[in-house]
Protein backbone atom coordinates (compact mmCIF):
# COMPACT_ATOMS: atom_id res chain seq x y z
CA UNK A 1 104.91 112.30 108.45
CA UNK A 2 102.67 111.40 105.59
CA UNK A 3 103.86 108.42 103.46
CA UNK A 4 101.48 108.33 100.42
CA UNK A 5 104.23 106.97 98.23
CA UNK A 6 104.54 103.73 99.87
CA UNK A 7 100.77 103.07 98.71
CA UNK A 8 101.98 103.54 95.07
CA UNK A 9 102.31 100.55 92.81
CA UNK A 10 105.08 102.40 90.73
CA UNK A 11 107.08 102.93 94.21
CA UNK A 12 106.69 99.27 95.28
CA UNK A 13 107.70 97.62 91.99
CA UNK A 14 110.84 100.29 91.90
CA UNK A 15 111.67 99.12 95.32
CA UNK A 16 111.63 95.43 94.16
CA UNK A 17 113.75 96.66 91.28
CA UNK A 18 116.34 98.03 93.70
CA UNK A 19 116.45 94.79 95.46
CA UNK A 20 116.85 92.80 92.34
CA UNK A 21 119.74 95.14 91.18
CA UNK A 22 121.52 94.82 94.46
CA UNK A 23 121.25 90.98 94.45
CA UNK A 24 122.53 90.86 90.60
CA UNK A 25 125.43 93.05 91.34
CA UNK A 26 126.58 91.01 94.54
CA UNK A 27 128.19 88.55 91.99
CA UNK A 28 130.25 91.24 89.69
CA UNK A 29 133.84 91.24 89.89
CA UNK A 30 135.73 92.86 92.68
CA UNK A 31 136.98 95.48 90.25
CA UNK A 32 133.46 96.77 89.41
CA UNK A 33 132.44 97.55 93.27
CA UNK A 34 132.96 101.19 92.53
CA UNK A 35 132.42 101.30 88.89
CA UNK A 36 129.53 99.62 86.97
CA UNK A 37 128.04 97.92 90.23
CA UNK A 38 127.87 101.30 91.86
CA UNK A 39 126.33 103.03 89.01
CA UNK A 40 123.68 100.30 88.56
CA UNK A 41 122.62 100.50 92.31
CA UNK A 42 122.73 104.26 92.30
CA UNK A 43 120.50 104.74 89.23
CA UNK A 44 118.00 101.95 90.75
CA UNK A 45 117.85 103.56 94.23
CA UNK A 46 117.20 106.82 92.16
CA UNK A 47 113.73 105.81 90.95
CA UNK A 48 111.81 105.18 94.16
CA UNK A 49 113.72 107.90 96.08
CA UNK A 50 112.30 110.31 93.39
CA UNK A 51 108.82 108.99 93.45
CA UNK A 52 108.71 109.75 97.32
CA UNK A 53 110.28 112.90 97.22
CA UNK A 54 108.05 114.01 94.46
CA UNK A 55 105.06 113.13 96.72
CA UNK A 56 106.52 114.83 99.70
CA UNK A 57 106.61 118.21 97.63
CA UNK A 58 104.02 120.82 97.25
CA UNK A 59 102.47 120.85 93.90
CA UNK A 60 101.81 118.97 90.91
CA UNK A 61 104.45 120.49 88.75
CA UNK A 62 107.06 119.27 91.27
CA UNK A 63 105.56 115.86 91.44
CA UNK A 64 105.77 115.76 87.71
CA UNK A 65 109.15 116.89 87.83
CA UNK A 66 110.52 114.20 90.24
CA UNK A 67 108.50 111.51 88.62
CA UNK A 68 110.34 112.65 85.16
CA UNK A 69 113.73 112.28 87.10
CA UNK A 70 112.73 108.92 88.10
CA UNK A 71 111.78 107.88 84.21
CA UNK A 72 115.28 109.35 83.44
CA UNK A 73 116.92 107.09 86.01
CA UNK A 74 115.15 104.05 84.54
CA UNK A 75 116.46 104.94 81.07
CA UNK A 76 120.05 105.08 82.66
CA UNK A 77 119.37 101.81 84.55
CA UNK A 78 118.41 100.31 81.16
CA UNK A 79 121.52 101.09 79.57
CA UNK A 80 123.75 99.92 82.49
CA UNK A 81 122.03 96.63 82.43
CA UNK A 82 122.56 96.39 78.75
CA UNK A 83 126.45 96.90 79.40
CA UNK A 84 126.70 94.68 82.12
CA UNK A 85 125.23 92.00 80.04
CA UNK A 86 127.37 92.57 77.32
CA UNK A 87 130.25 92.48 79.73
CA UNK A 88 129.20 88.90 80.80
CA UNK A 89 128.23 90.28 84.21
CA UNK A 90 124.54 89.38 84.29
CA UNK A 91 122.83 86.24 83.56
CA UNK A 92 119.52 87.61 84.38
CA UNK A 93 119.29 90.76 82.16
CA UNK A 94 115.99 89.82 80.74
CA UNK A 95 114.30 89.60 84.15
CA UNK A 96 115.77 92.89 84.94
CA UNK A 97 114.61 94.59 81.75
CA UNK A 98 111.21 93.18 82.52
CA UNK A 99 111.09 94.88 85.87
CA UNK A 100 112.37 98.14 84.38
CA UNK A 101 109.59 98.03 81.73
CA UNK A 102 107.20 97.26 84.44
CA UNK A 103 108.11 100.21 86.39
CA UNK A 104 108.54 102.39 83.40
CA UNK A 105 104.84 101.63 82.40
CA UNK A 106 103.67 102.37 86.02
CA UNK A 107 105.47 105.73 86.04
CA UNK A 108 103.83 106.77 82.79
CA UNK A 109 100.46 105.68 83.71
CA UNK A 110 100.93 107.68 87.17
CA UNK A 111 102.09 110.80 85.37
CA UNK A 112 99.42 110.69 82.85
CA UNK A 113 96.88 110.20 85.49
CA UNK A 114 98.24 113.20 87.63
CA UNK A 115 98.19 115.41 84.59
CA UNK A 116 94.75 114.57 83.65
CA UNK A 117 93.59 115.22 87.28
CA UNK A 118 95.32 118.39 87.38
CA UNK A 119 94.43 119.40 83.63
CA UNK A 120 97.94 120.08 82.36
């Protein structure tokens, strides 16, 4: 099995973001276990999972589609982080937002590079 996605900085940083989200949500109130905490975790996991799935697919268009899904999940995550911060559940929202921004930049750069190489 080829695992090219593991060499990507975007995937590596997205995995670090997932870990940071799981750590942050571990202190959420119990009533949020199946609510906001779960939504944050699912959105975060979606980012590296879609990068990996895209790189396992055949074709540039499919890859770009999955990278786009990853970018959408990052936007969702950004909104959920903001909500959790407004509710007082996060004390490291700035740090998490920095990680989201970093992964977003890496994803945009990766997508642009793939488009240039494919002349799309």
